[in-house]
Amino acid sequence: MRRSYSPEMLGGVSTPADRKSLLARYLELPNKAEQFQVTYIWIDGSGEHMRCKTMTLSEEPAKVEDYPIWNFDGSSTGQAEGSNSDVYLYPASIFRDPFTRGNNKLLLCETYTYDKKPHCELQTTVSANIYEMVTSNASVRSWEFQVGPLEGVEAADHLWMARYLLHRVAEDFNVVITFDPKPVAGNWNGAGAHTNYSTLSMRTKGIGIDPDLLFSAITAAIEKLALAHDEHIKAYDPHQGSDNMRRLTGHHETSSIKDFSSALLWNITFKHVGFSHRRDVFVFFCQGVANRGASIRIPRQVSDEGYGYLEDRRPSANCDPYAVTMMLVKTTIC
């Protein structure tokens, strides 16, 4: 027989403030000075959601690689079959735990299969300062936050951990977080993971953008991104573009998922129908700089100063940032 309990039966713990006060009592209980807790966090088989479990250690390792490798039941997370369910957790990035405080840590992990091969969901680390990073976005009840600037995999680590922290903080206020790119259909903006990207040459004055040099660093990168548009779209949400199809409509500050567009000093538009392209390139115009309806936006300041970064506006809010950063590097550098 399943029993249910009202908040009153549980001592009146009915509001987030009550729950937080109750939790504080447990956090204040004495603990062995040499012991601390590590919360192992990983991405589950959905490629969108996160799981965690906690280990108590008696000695703090000097570096992340020295933390113990752990395991979990992958059959419960969509990452293994029940007959061979153990999946390994390899520590990747470490953070101080803002919830339990002290020496406790949050440990973002990579997942490895039983034969020690990287799990396919992961292509390869932030305190609760989410409040300072969150700003109201363009749609009702839509808010945004930023991480970085950081390099490659580390930027993706920090985004995943920021998502975890946001979910944890939301629990205290009885709020549900979604990263769906278009959680409610209608005539309003969706939710993206706009990615600012640059290389050393893009950030170097005189090389990043040069009106007299067609293949300067940023324009060269945009040309390469245009040719790989279909491949990027498939990698920019967890469902090979079907999530983004609801968001990238050409309206509400988005480009069309079928087209690649950028506005630098030249109009670069690629019409995508399968893998055939129509190219209208190097038609001089300036009004597209700072255009939030483009696939790739060039900030006004970057255009004025001649160097800086580009903003890829195509990734969805629920994207895998490891896949996004990998694709940007693969397309523009490799």
C-alpha atoms as a PDB file:
ATOM      1  CA  MET A   1       0.000   0.000   0.000  1.00  0.00           C
ATOM      2  CA  ARG A   2       1.456   3.357  -1.025  1.00  0.00           C
ATOM      3  CA  ARG A   3       1.149   6.169   1.467  1.00  0.00           C
ATOM      4  CA  SER A   4       1.109   9.875   0.737  1.00  0.00           C
ATOM      5  CA  TYR A   5       1.936  12.621   3.187  1.00  0.00           C
ATOM      6  CA  SER A   6       0.840  16.227   3.208  1.00  0.00           C
ATOM      7  CA  PRO A   7       3.349  19.004   4.023  1.00  0.00           C
ATOM      8  CA  GLU A   8       1.579  19.462   7.356  1.00  0.00           C
ATOM      9  CA  MET A   9       2.172  15.802   8.261  1.00  0.00           C
ATOM     10  CA  LEU A  10       5.843  16.318   7.457  1.00  0.00           C
ATOM     11  CA  GLY A  11       6.162  19.155   9.925  1.00  0.00           C
ATOM     12  CA  GLY A  12       4.967  21.999   7.734  1.00  0.00           C
ATOM     13  CA  VAL A  13       7.853  21.814   5.244  1.00  0.00           C
ATOM     14  CA  SER A  14       5.745  23.318   2.475  1.00  0.00           C
ATOM     15  CA  THR A  15       7.746  26.193   1.018  1.00  0.00           C
ATOM     16  CA  PRO A  16      11.220  26.436  -0.515  1.00  0.00           C
ATOM     17  CA  ALA A  17      12.302  28.542   2.485  1.00  0.00           C
ATOM     18  CA  ASP A  18      11.105  25.826   4.885  1.00  0.00           C
ATOM     19  CA  ARG A  19      12.947  23.136   2.967  1.00  0.00           C
ATOM     20  CA  LYS A  20      16.091  25.219   2.826  1.00  0.00           C
ATOM     21  CA  SER A  21      15.942  25.839   6.571  1.00  0.00           C
ATOM     22  CA  LEU A  22      15.493  22.127   7.222  1.00  0.00           C
ATOM     23  CA  LEU A  23      18.394  21.232   4.941  1.00  0.00           C
ATOM     24  CA  ALA A  24      20.615  23.755   6.733  1.00  0.00           C
ATOM     25  CA  ARG A  25      20.123  21.809   9.971  1.00  0.00           C
ATOM     26  CA  TYR A  26      21.563  18.697   8.388  1.00  0.00           C
ATOM     27  CA  LEU A  27      24.414  20.573   6.735  1.00  0.00           C
ATOM     28  CA  GLU A  28      25.401  21.965  10.133  1.00  0.00           C
ATOM     29  CA  LEU A  29      25.764  18.509  11.691  1.00  0.00           C
ATOM     30  CA  PRO A  30      29.382  17.814  12.690  1.00  0.00           C
ATOM     31  CA  ASN A  31      31.483  15.897  10.206  1.00  0.00           C
ATOM     32  CA  LYS A  32      34.919  14.353  10.439  1.00  0.00           C
ATOM     33  CA  ALA A  33      37.332  17.143   9.596  1.00  0.00           C
ATOM     34  CA  GLU A  34      39.328  15.027   7.183  1.00  0.00           C
ATOM     35  CA  GLN A  35      36.291  13.796   5.251  1.00  0.00           C
ATOM     36  CA  PHE A  36      34.524  15.531   2.392  1.00  0.00           C
ATOM     37  CA  GLN A  37      31.935  14.623  -0.226  1.00  0.00           C
ATOM     38  CA  VAL A  38      32.287  14.561  -3.987  1.00  0.00           C
ATOM     39  CA  THR A  39      29.198  14.620  -6.211  1.00  0.00           C
ATOM     40  CA  TYR A  40      29.905  12.762  -9.444  1.00  0.00           C
ATOM     41  CA  ILE A  41      27.842  14.300 -12.285  1.00  0.00           C
ATOM     42  CA  TRP A  42      27.373  12.967 -15.790  1.00  0.00           C
ATOM     43  CA  ILE A  43      25.205  13.310 -18.915  1.00  0.00           C
ATOM     44  CA  ASP A  44      22.762  10.452 -19.351  1.00  0.00           C
ATOM     45  CA  GLY A  45      21.720   8.558 -22.449  1.00  0.00           C
ATOM     46  CA  SER A  46      19.305  11.270 -23.575  1.00  0.00           C
ATOM     47  CA  GLY A  47      22.200  13.606 -24.308  1.00  0.00           C
ATOM     48  CA  GLU A  48      20.171  16.336 -22.574  1.00  0.00           C
ATOM     49  CA  HIS A  49      19.701  15.386 -18.916  1.00  0.00           C
ATOM     50  CA  MET A  50      22.129  14.941 -16.030  1.00  0.00           C
ATOM     51  CA  ARG A  51      22.551  12.380 -13.245  1.00  0.00           C
ATOM     52  CA  CYS A  52      24.602  12.426 -10.053  1.00  0.00           C
ATOM     53  CA  LYS A  53      25.746  10.304  -7.112  1.00  0.00           C
ATOM     54  CA  THR A  54      27.916  11.159  -4.105  1.00  0.00           C
ATOM     55  CA  MET A  55      31.076   9.590  -2.701  1.00  0.00           C
ATOM     56  CA  THR A  56      32.741  10.367   0.648  1.00  0.00           C
ATOM     57  CA  LEU A  57      36.532  10.668   0.607  1.00  0.00           C
ATOM     58  CA  SER A  58      38.991  11.054   3.458  1.00  0.00           C
ATOM     59  CA  GLU A  59      41.780  12.724   1.508  1.00  0.00           C
ATOM     60  CA  GLU A  60      41.545  15.416  -1.152  1.00  0.00           C
ATOM     61  CA  PRO A  61      43.391  14.490  -4.359  1.00  0.00           C
ATOM     62  CA  ALA A  62      45.888  16.974  -5.759  1.00  0.00           C
ATOM     63  CA  LYS A  63      44.343  17.034  -9.245  1.00  0.00           C
ATOM     64  CA  VAL A  64      41.196  15.896 -11.000  1.00  0.00           C
ATOM     65  CA  GLU A  65      42.851  12.829 -12.527  1.00  0.00           C
ATOM     66  CA  ASP A  66      43.571  11.499  -9.026  1.00  0.00           C
ATOM     67  CA  TYR A  67      39.891  11.226  -8.052  1.00  0.00           C
ATOM     68  CA  PRO A  68      38.613   7.627  -8.007  1.00  0.00           C
ATOM     69  CA  ILE A  69      37.028   6.195 -11.131  1.00  0.00           C
ATOM     70  CA  TRP A  70      33.468   5.170 -10.215  1.00  0.00           C
ATOM     71  CA  ASN A  71      30.613   3.406 -11.966  1.00  0.00           C
ATOM     72  CA  PHE A  72      26.818   3.406 -12.197  1.00  0.00           C
ATOM     73  CA  ASP A  73      23.922   1.355 -13.538  1.00  0.00           C
ATOM     74  CA  GLY A  74      23.786   2.344 -17.180  1.00  0.00           C
ATOM     75  CA  SER A  75      20.596   0.367 -17.787  1.00  0.00           C
ATOM     76  CA  SER A  76      18.726   2.952 -15.675  1.00  0.00           C
ATOM     77  CA  THR A  77      20.064   5.897 -17.662  1.00  0.00           C
ATOM     78  CA  GLY A  78      19.779   4.605 -21.231  1.00  0.00           C
ATOM     79  CA  GLN A  79      23.503   3.933 -21.526  1.00  0.00           C
ATOM     80  CA  ALA A  80      23.798   0.151 -21.192  1.00  0.00           C
ATOM     81  CA  GLU A  81      21.836  -3.091 -21.254  1.00  0.00           C
ATOM     82  CA  GLY A  82      20.698  -4.727 -18.016  1.00  0.00           C
ATOM     83  CA  SER A  83      22.817  -7.812 -18.638  1.00  0.00           C
ATOM     84  CA  ASN A  84      26.000  -5.715 -18.774  1.00  0.00           C
ATOM     85  CA  SER A  85      24.989  -2.487 -17.077  1.00  0.00           C
ATOM     86  CA  ASP A  86      28.106  -1.036 -15.431  1.00  0.00           C
ATOM     87  CA  VAL A  87      29.298   2.235 -16.964  1.00  0.00           C
ATOM     88  CA  TYR A  88      32.468   3.900 -15.687  1.00  0.00           C
ATOM     89  CA  LEU A  89      32.716   7.507 -14.496  1.00  0.00           C
ATOM     90  CA  TYR A  90      36.045   9.123 -15.373  1.00  0.00           C
ATOM     91  CA  PRO A  91      36.611  12.472 -13.563  1.00  0.00           C
ATOM     92  CA  ALA A  92      37.058  15.315 -16.071  1.00  0.00           C
ATOM     93  CA  SER A  93      36.515  18.706 -14.360  1.00  0.00           C
ATOM     94  CA  ILE A  94      36.136  19.746 -10.747  1.00  0.00           C
ATOM     95  CA  PHE A  95      34.265  22.592  -9.015  1.00  0.00           C
ATOM     96  CA  ARG A  96      33.634  23.700  -5.467  1.00  0.00           C
ATOM     97  CA  ASP A  97      30.183  22.655  -4.240  1.00  0.00           C
ATOM     98  CA  PRO A  98      28.141  25.827  -3.524  1.00  0.00           C
ATOM     99  CA  PHE A  99      25.286  23.844  -1.958  1.00  0.00           C
ATOM    100  CA  THR A 100      27.019  21.790   0.738  1.00  0.00           C
ATOM    101  CA  ARG A 101      30.031  24.124   0.936  1.00  0.00           C
ATOM    102  CA  GLY A 102      33.182  23.328   2.942  1.00  0.00           C
ATOM    103  CA  ASN A 103      35.678  21.180   1.058  1.00  0.00           C
ATOM    104  CA  ASN A 104      32.933  19.358  -0.828  1.00  0.00           C
ATOM    105  CA  LYS A 105      33.265  19.186  -4.602  1.00  0.00           C
ATOM    106  CA  LEU A 106      31.231  18.765  -7.787  1.00  0.00           C
ATOM    107  CA  LEU A 107      32.928  16.475 -10.280  1.00  0.00           C
ATOM    108  CA  LEU A 108      31.887  16.472 -13.934  1.00  0.00           C
ATOM    109  CA  CYS A 109      32.640  13.076 -15.439  1.00  0.00           C
ATOM    110  CA  GLU A 110      33.054  11.372 -18.779  1.00  0.00           C
ATOM    111  CA  THR A 111      31.258   8.059 -19.227  1.00  0.00           C
ATOM    112  CA  TYR A 112      33.074   4.935 -20.431  1.00  0.00           C
ATOM    113  CA  THR A 113      31.619   1.585 -21.435  1.00  0.00           C
ATOM    114  CA  TYR A 114      32.532  -1.725 -19.797  1.00  0.00           C
ATOM    115  CA  ASP A 115      35.479  -2.157 -22.185  1.00  0.00           C
ATOM    116  CA  LYS A 116      36.859   1.279 -21.241  1.00  0.00           C
ATOM    117  CA  LYS A 117      35.790   3.046 -24.426  1.00  0.00           C
ATOM    118  CA  PRO A 118      34.289   6.575 -24.315  1.00  0.00           C
ATOM    119  CA  HIS A 119      30.511   6.466 -24.335  1.00  0.00           C
ATOM    120  CA  CYS A 120      28.967   7.807 -27.529  1.00  0.00           C
ATOM    121  CA  GLU A 121      26.907  10.496 -25.726  1.00  0.00           C
ATOM    122  CA  LEU A 122      30.023  12.429 -24.707  1.00  0.00           C
ATOM    123  CA  GLN A 123      32.342  13.711 -27.403  1.00  0.00           C
ATOM    124  CA  THR A 124      35.240  13.734 -25.163  1.00  0.00           C
ATOM    125  CA  THR A 125      33.959  22.252 -15.606  1.00  0.00           C
ATOM    126  CA  VAL A 126      31.402  27.595 -11.446  1.00  0.00           C
ATOM    127  CA  SER A 127      29.813  28.136  -8.126  1.00  0.00           C
ATOM    128  CA  ALA A 128      26.180  29.171  -7.705  1.00  0.00           C
ATOM    129  CA  ASN A 129      26.865  32.524  -9.322  1.00  0.00           C
ATOM    130  CA  ILE A 130      24.067  31.696 -11.758  1.00  0.00           C
ATOM    131  CA  TYR A 131      22.122  34.634 -10.344  1.00  0.00           C
ATOM    132  CA  GLU A 132      24.779  37.040 -11.594  1.00  0.00           C
ATOM    133  CA  MET A 133      24.853  35.417 -15.045  1.00  0.00           C
ATOM    134  CA  VAL A 134      21.102  35.206 -15.671  1.00  0.00           C
ATOM    135  CA  THR A 135      19.414  37.942 -17.703  1.00  0.00           C
ATOM    136  CA  SER A 136      15.892  38.281 -19.069  1.00  0.00           C
ATOM    137  CA  ASN A 137      15.721  37.076 -22.652  1.00  0.00           C
ATOM    138  CA  ALA A 138      13.567  38.003 -25.635  1.00  0.00           C
ATOM    139  CA  SER A 139      10.575  35.832 -24.757  1.00  0.00           C
ATOM    140  CA  VAL A 140       8.186  35.656 -21.793  1.00  0.00           C
ATOM    141  CA  ARG A 141       9.615  33.532 -18.960  1.00  0.00           C
ATOM    142  CA  SER A 142      12.764  33.019 -20.996  1.00  0.00           C
ATOM    143  CA  TRP A 143      16.085  33.869 -19.367  1.00  0.00           C
ATOM    144  CA  GLU A 144      19.652  33.477 -20.486  1.00  0.00           C
ATOM    145  CA  PHE A 145      23.051  33.034 -18.858  1.00  0.00           C
ATOM    146  CA  GLN A 146      26.598  32.976 -20.172  1.00  0.00           C
ATOM    147  CA  VAL A 147      29.766  31.043 -19.451  1.00  0.00           C
ATOM    148  CA  GLY A 148      33.303  31.828 -20.550  1.00  0.00           C
ATOM    149  CA  PRO A 149      35.313  32.957 -22.289  1.00  0.00           C
ATOM    150  CA  LEU A 150      37.020  29.575 -22.120  1.00  0.00           C
ATOM    151  CA  GLU A 151      38.781  27.218 -24.489  1.00  0.00           C
ATOM    152  CA  GLY A 152      37.038  24.363 -26.299  1.00  0.00           C
ATOM    153  CA  VAL A 153      36.231  21.425 -24.051  1.00  0.00           C
ATOM    154  CA  GLU A 154      36.499  23.553 -20.900  1.00  0.00           C
ATOM    155  CA  ALA A 155      33.753  25.860 -22.186  1.00  0.00           C
ATOM    156  CA  ALA A 156      31.505  22.838 -22.737  1.00  0.00           C
ATOM    157  CA  ASP A 157      32.362  21.517 -19.252  1.00  0.00           C
ATOM    158  CA  HIS A 158      31.300  24.817 -17.699  1.00  0.00           C
ATOM    159  CA  LEU A 159      28.031  24.949 -19.628  1.00  0.00           C
ATOM    160  CA  TRP A 160      27.023  21.465 -18.497  1.00  0.00           C
ATOM    161  CA  MET A 161      27.899  22.311 -14.892  1.00  0.00           C
ATOM    162  CA  ALA A 162      25.978  25.598 -15.141  1.00  0.00           C
ATOM    163  CA  ARG A 163      22.934  23.646 -16.305  1.00  0.00           C
ATOM    164  CA  TYR A 164      23.278  21.304 -13.326  1.00  0.00           C
ATOM    165  CA  LEU A 165      23.547  24.245 -10.919  1.00  0.00           C
ATOM    166  CA  LEU A 166      20.526  25.924 -12.483  1.00  0.00           C
ATOM    167  CA  HIS A 167      18.437  22.790 -11.996  1.00  0.00           C
ATOM    168  CA  ARG A 168      19.631  22.479  -8.381  1.00  0.00           C
ATOM    169  CA  VAL A 169      18.843  26.120  -7.566  1.00  0.00           C
ATOM    170  CA  ALA A 170      15.447  25.808  -9.265  1.00  0.00           C
ATOM    171  CA  GLU A 171      14.557  22.941  -6.923  1.00  0.00           C
ATOM    172  CA  ASP A 172      14.864  25.327  -3.954  1.00  0.00           C
ATOM    173  CA  PHE A 173      12.254  27.608  -5.507  1.00  0.00           C
ATOM    174  CA  ASN A 174       9.941  24.891  -6.822  1.00  0.00           C
ATOM    175  CA  VAL A 175      10.617  25.930 -10.417  1.00  0.00           C
ATOM    176  CA  VAL A 176      11.057  23.645 -13.427  1.00  0.00           C
ATOM    177  CA  ILE A 177      13.784  24.427 -15.968  1.00  0.00           C
ATOM    178  CA  THR A 178      13.580  23.442 -19.622  1.00  0.00           C
ATOM    179  CA  PHE A 179      16.170  23.909 -22.349  1.00  0.00           C
ATOM    180  CA  ASP A 180      13.782  22.977 -25.145  1.00  0.00           C
ATOM    181  CA  PRO A 181      14.392  25.372 -28.068  1.00  0.00           C
ATOM    182  CA  LYS A 182      10.653  26.016 -28.507  1.00  0.00           C
ATOM    183  CA  PRO A 183       8.855  24.787 -25.366  1.00  0.00           C
ATOM    184  CA  VAL A 184       5.570  26.441 -26.374  1.00  0.00           C
ATOM    185  CA  ALA A 185       4.539  26.894 -29.990  1.00  0.00           C
ATOM    186  CA  GLY A 186       3.538  30.404 -30.959  1.00  0.00           C
ATOM    187  CA  ASN A 187       4.523  33.790 -32.299  1.00  0.00           C
ATOM    188  CA  TRP A 188       7.520  34.421 -30.051  1.00  0.00           C
ATOM    189  CA  ASN A 189      11.220  33.723 -29.760  1.00  0.00           C
ATOM    190  CA  GLY A 190      12.618  30.289 -29.092  1.00  0.00           C
ATOM    191  CA  ALA A 191      15.723  29.464 -27.046  1.00  0.00           C
ATOM    192  CA  GLY A 192      19.203  29.063 -28.492  1.00  0.00           C
ATOM    193  CA  ALA A 193      22.747  28.493 -27.297  1.00  0.00           C
ATOM    194  CA  HIS A 194      24.434  31.327 -29.179  1.00  0.00           C
ATOM    195  CA  THR A 195      28.109  30.464 -29.354  1.00  0.00           C
ATOM    196  CA  ASN A 196      30.816  33.129 -29.553  1.00  0.00           C
ATOM    197  CA  TYR A 197      33.858  31.682 -31.279  1.00  0.00           C
ATOM    198  CA  SER A 198      37.300  32.960 -32.209  1.00  0.00           C
ATOM    199  CA  THR A 199      40.808  31.826 -33.006  1.00  0.00           C
ATOM    200  CA  LEU A 200      44.031  33.727 -32.377  1.00  0.00           C
ATOM    201  CA  SER A 201      44.080  35.036 -35.938  1.00  0.00           C
ATOM    202  CA  MET A 202      40.474  36.266 -35.621  1.00  0.00           C
ATOM    203  CA  ARG A 203      41.462  38.192 -32.488  1.00  0.00           C
ATOM    204  CA  THR A 204      44.519  39.745 -34.120  1.00  0.00           C
ATOM    205  CA  LYS A 205      44.087  43.294 -35.401  1.00  0.00           C
ATOM    206  CA  GLY A 206      44.572  43.580 -39.141  1.00  0.00           C
ATOM    207  CA  ILE A 207      43.957  39.878 -39.730  1.00  0.00           C
ATOM    208  CA  GLY A 208      40.455  39.259 -38.373  1.00  0.00           C
ATOM    209  CA  ILE A 209      38.584  41.394 -40.915  1.00  0.00           C
ATOM    210  CA  ASP A 210      40.219  43.203 -43.816  1.00  0.00           C
ATOM    211  CA  PRO A 211      37.956  44.737 -46.531  1.00  0.00           C
ATOM    212  CA  ASP A 212      40.804  44.436 -49.015  1.00  0.00           C
ATOM    213  CA  LEU A 213      41.542  40.794 -48.181  1.00  0.00           C
ATOM    214  CA  LEU A 214      38.714  38.435 -49.142  1.00  0.00           C
ATOM    215  CA  PHE A 215      40.028  35.467 -47.209  1.00  0.00           C
ATOM    216  CA  SER A 216      40.868  37.113 -43.898  1.00  0.00           C
ATOM    217  CA  ALA A 217      40.457  34.977 -40.788  1.00  0.00           C
ATOM    218  CA  ILE A 218      36.793  35.594 -39.980  1.00  0.00           C
ATOM    219  CA  THR A 219      35.542  35.618 -43.570  1.00  0.00           C
ATOM    220  CA  ALA A 220      37.489  32.433 -44.290  1.00  0.00           C
ATOM    221  CA  ALA A 221      35.878  30.760 -41.276  1.00  0.00           C
ATOM    222  CA  ILE A 222      32.400  31.849 -42.402  1.00  0.00           C
ATOM    223  CA  GLU A 223      32.979  30.442 -45.874  1.00  0.00           C
ATOM    224  CA  LYS A 224      33.900  27.077 -44.361  1.00  0.00           C
ATOM    225  CA  LEU A 225      30.900  27.153 -42.016  1.00  0.00           C
ATOM    226  CA  ALA A 226      28.608  27.852 -44.960  1.00  0.00           C
ATOM    227  CA  LEU A 227      29.787  24.778 -46.841  1.00  0.00           C
ATOM    228  CA  ALA A 228      29.215  22.571 -43.772  1.00  0.00           C
ATOM    229  CA  HIS A 229      25.802  24.004 -42.812  1.00  0.00           C
ATOM    230  CA  ASP A 230      23.871  20.728 -43.106  1.00  0.00           C
ATOM    231  CA  GLU A 231      26.417  18.864 -40.993  1.00  0.00           C
ATOM    232  CA  HIS A 232      26.320  21.564 -38.306  1.00  0.00           C
ATOM    233  CA  ILE A 233      22.518  21.583 -38.169  1.00  0.00           C
ATOM    234  CA  LYS A 234      22.517  17.838 -37.492  1.00  0.00           C
ATOM    235  CA  ALA A 235      25.003  18.332 -34.620  1.00  0.00           C
ATOM    236  CA  TYR A 236      23.399  21.432 -33.107  1.00  0.00           C
ATOM    237  CA  ASP A 237      20.562  19.725 -31.244  1.00  0.00           C
ATOM    238  CA  PRO A 238      20.237  16.235 -29.682  1.00  0.00           C
ATOM    239  CA  HIS A 239      17.819  15.048 -32.374  1.00  0.00           C
ATOM    240  CA  GLN A 240      19.779  15.773 -35.566  1.00  0.00           C
ATOM    241  CA  GLY A 241      18.020  19.056 -36.288  1.00  0.00           C
ATOM    242  CA  SER A 242      14.396  18.184 -35.551  1.00  0.00           C
ATOM    243  CA  ASP A 243      14.373  20.296 -32.356  1.00  0.00           C
ATOM    244  CA  ASN A 244      15.887  23.280 -34.125  1.00  0.00           C
ATOM    245  CA  MET A 245      13.389  22.973 -36.964  1.00  0.00           C
ATOM    246  CA  ARG A 246      10.751  24.372 -34.586  1.00  0.00           C
ATOM    247  CA  ARG A 247      13.024  27.324 -33.722  1.00  0.00           C
ATOM    248  CA  LEU A 248      15.040  28.226 -36.839  1.00  0.00           C
ATOM    249  CA  THR A 249      12.146  29.504 -38.928  1.00  0.00           C
ATOM    250  CA  GLY A 250      13.606  32.719 -40.313  1.00  0.00           C
ATOM    251  CA  HIS A 251      11.475  34.672 -37.841  1.00  0.00           C
ATOM    252  CA  HIS A 252      11.910  35.805 -34.217  1.00  0.00           C
ATOM    253  CA  GLU A 253      15.608  36.682 -34.550  1.00  0.00           C
ATOM    254  CA  THR A 254      16.592  33.437 -36.248  1.00  0.00           C
ATOM    255  CA  SER A 255      17.756  32.379 -39.678  1.00  0.00           C
ATOM    256  CA  SER A 256      15.948  29.662 -41.595  1.00  0.00           C
ATOM    257  CA  ILE A 257      17.220  26.163 -40.875  1.00  0.00           C
ATOM    258  CA  LYS A 258      17.324  25.596 -44.667  1.00  0.00           C
ATOM    259  CA  ASP A 259      19.593  28.566 -45.383  1.00  0.00           C
ATOM    260  CA  PHE A 260      23.022  29.696 -44.295  1.00  0.00           C
ATOM    261  CA  SER A 261      23.374  33.454 -43.994  1.00  0.00           C
ATOM    262  CA  SER A 262      25.993  35.789 -42.661  1.00  0.00           C
ATOM    263  CA  ALA A 263      26.489  39.490 -42.812  1.00  0.00           C
ATOM    264  CA  LEU A 264      30.018  40.736 -42.603  1.00  0.00           C
ATOM    265  CA  LEU A 265      31.068  43.086 -45.354  1.00  0.00           C
ATOM    266  CA  TRP A 266      29.781  40.705 -47.980  1.00  0.00           C
ATOM    267  CA  ASN A 267      26.404  39.057 -48.340  1.00  0.00           C
ATOM    268  CA  ILE A 268      27.100  35.361 -47.987  1.00  0.00           C
ATOM    269  CA  THR A 269      23.931  33.330 -48.502  1.00  0.00           C
ATOM    270  CA  PHE A 270      23.774  29.599 -49.156  1.00  0.00           C
ATOM    271  CA  LYS A 271      20.416  28.075 -50.061  1.00  0.00           C
ATOM    272  CA  HIS A 272      20.291  24.478 -48.881  1.00  0.00           C
ATOM    273  CA  VAL A 273      18.200  21.877 -50.624  1.00  0.00           C
ATOM    274  CA  GLY A 274      19.863  18.581 -49.785  1.00  0.00           C
ATOM    275  CA  PHE A 275      23.467  19.190 -50.665  1.00  0.00           C
ATOM    276  CA  SER A 276      23.036  21.586 -53.586  1.00  0.00           C
ATOM    277  CA  HIS A 277      23.980  25.183 -52.907  1.00  0.00           C
ATOM    278  CA  ARG A 278      23.331  28.522 -54.511  1.00  0.00           C
ATOM    279  CA  ARG A 279      26.127  30.941 -53.783  1.00  0.00           C
ATOM    280  CA  ASP A 280      25.696  34.716 -53.746  1.00  0.00           C
ATOM    281  CA  VAL A 281      28.974  35.798 -52.270  1.00  0.00           C
ATOM    282  CA  PHE A 282      31.004  38.944 -51.995  1.00  0.00           C
ATOM    283  CA  VAL A 283      28.123  41.291 -52.841  1.00  0.00           C
ATOM    284  CA  PHE A 284      29.178  44.345 -50.885  1.00  0.00           C
ATOM    285  CA  PHE A 285      26.823  45.593 -48.215  1.00  0.00           C
ATOM    286  CA  CYS A 286      27.051  46.735 -44.595  1.00  0.00           C
ATOM    287  CA  GLN A 287      23.573  46.766 -43.127  1.00  0.00           C
ATOM    288  CA  GLY A 288      23.731  43.098 -42.065  1.00  0.00           C
ATOM    289  CA  VAL A 289      26.424  43.551 -39.429  1.00  0.00           C
ATOM    290  CA  ALA A 290      24.882  42.932 -35.989  1.00  0.00           C
ATOM    291  CA  ASN A 291      22.014  41.084 -37.683  1.00  0.00           C
ATOM    292  CA  ARG A 292      20.393  38.648 -35.251  1.00  0.00           C
ATOM    293  CA  GLY A 293      18.446  37.075 -38.082  1.00  0.00           C
ATOM    294  CA  ALA A 294      21.613  35.612 -39.605  1.00  0.00           C
ATOM    295  CA  SER A 295      23.141  32.176 -39.078  1.00  0.00           C
ATOM    296  CA  ILE A 296      26.418  33.850 -38.167  1.00  0.00           C
ATOM    297  CA  ARG A 297      26.343  37.315 -36.592  1.00  0.00           C
ATOM    298  CA  ILE A 298      29.303  39.680 -36.665  1.00  0.00           C
ATOM    299  CA  PRO A 299      29.051  42.143 -33.752  1.00  0.00           C
ATOM    300  CA  ARG A 300      29.148  45.808 -34.722  1.00  0.00           C
ATOM    301  CA  GLN A 301      32.269  46.396 -32.619  1.00  0.00           C
ATOM    302  CA  VAL A 302      34.099  43.582 -34.412  1.00  0.00           C
ATOM    303  CA  SER A 303      33.219  45.106 -37.778  1.00  0.00           C
ATOM    304  CA  ASP A 304      34.368  48.556 -36.637  1.00  0.00           C
ATOM    305  CA  GLU A 305      37.645  47.385 -35.074  1.00  0.00           C
ATOM    306  CA  GLY A 306      38.505  44.784 -37.698  1.00  0.00           C
ATOM    307  CA  TYR A 307      39.090  41.832 -35.367  1.00  0.00           C
ATOM    308  CA  GLY A 308      37.357  39.817 -32.649  1.00  0.00           C
ATOM    309  CA  TYR A 309      34.909  36.919 -32.887  1.00  0.00           C
ATOM    310  CA  LEU A 310      31.854  35.568 -34.666  1.00  0.00           C
ATOM    311  CA  GLU A 311      28.585  34.412 -33.112  1.00  0.00           C
ATOM    312  CA  ASP A 312      27.054  31.170 -34.331  1.00  0.00           C
ATOM    313  CA  ARG A 313      23.334  31.595 -33.602  1.00  0.00           C
ATOM    314  CA  ARG A 314      22.237  28.171 -34.829  1.00  0.00           C
ATOM    315  CA  PRO A 315      22.837  25.847 -31.804  1.00  0.00           C
ATOM    316  CA  SER A 316      19.679  25.083 -29.827  1.00  0.00           C
ATOM    317  CA  ALA A 317      19.380  25.711 -26.075  1.00  0.00           C
ATOM    318  CA  ASN A 318      19.444  21.958 -25.453  1.00  0.00           C
ATOM    319  CA  CYS A 319      22.497  21.347 -27.637  1.00  0.00           C
ATOM    320  CA  ASP A 320      25.449  19.233 -26.605  1.00  0.00           C
ATOM    321  CA  PRO A 321      28.191  21.891 -26.242  1.00  0.00           C
ATOM    322  CA  TYR A 322      30.881  19.264 -26.831  1.00  0.00           C
ATOM    323  CA  ALA A 323      29.393  18.592 -30.262  1.00  0.00           C
ATOM    324  CA  VAL A 324      29.081  22.326 -31.013  1.00  0.00           C
ATOM    325  CA  THR A 325      32.672  23.179 -30.084  1.00  0.00           C
ATOM    326  CA  MET A 326      33.952  20.107 -31.905  1.00  0.00           C
ATOM    327  CA  MET A 327      32.118  21.068 -35.095  1.00  0.00           C
ATOM    328  CA  LEU A 328      33.352  24.668 -35.009  1.00  0.00           C
ATOM    329  CA  VAL A 329      36.971  23.561 -34.654  1.00  0.00           C
ATOM    330  CA  LYS A 330      36.629  20.721 -37.137  1.00  0.00           C
ATOM    331  CA  THR A 331      35.111  22.970 -39.805  1.00  0.00           C
ATOM    332  CA  THR A 332      37.238  26.099 -39.415  1.00  0.00           C
ATOM    333  CA  ILE A 333      40.626  24.707 -38.370  1.00  0.00           C
ATOM    334  CA  CYS A 334      41.051  20.995 -39.062  1.00  0.00           C
END
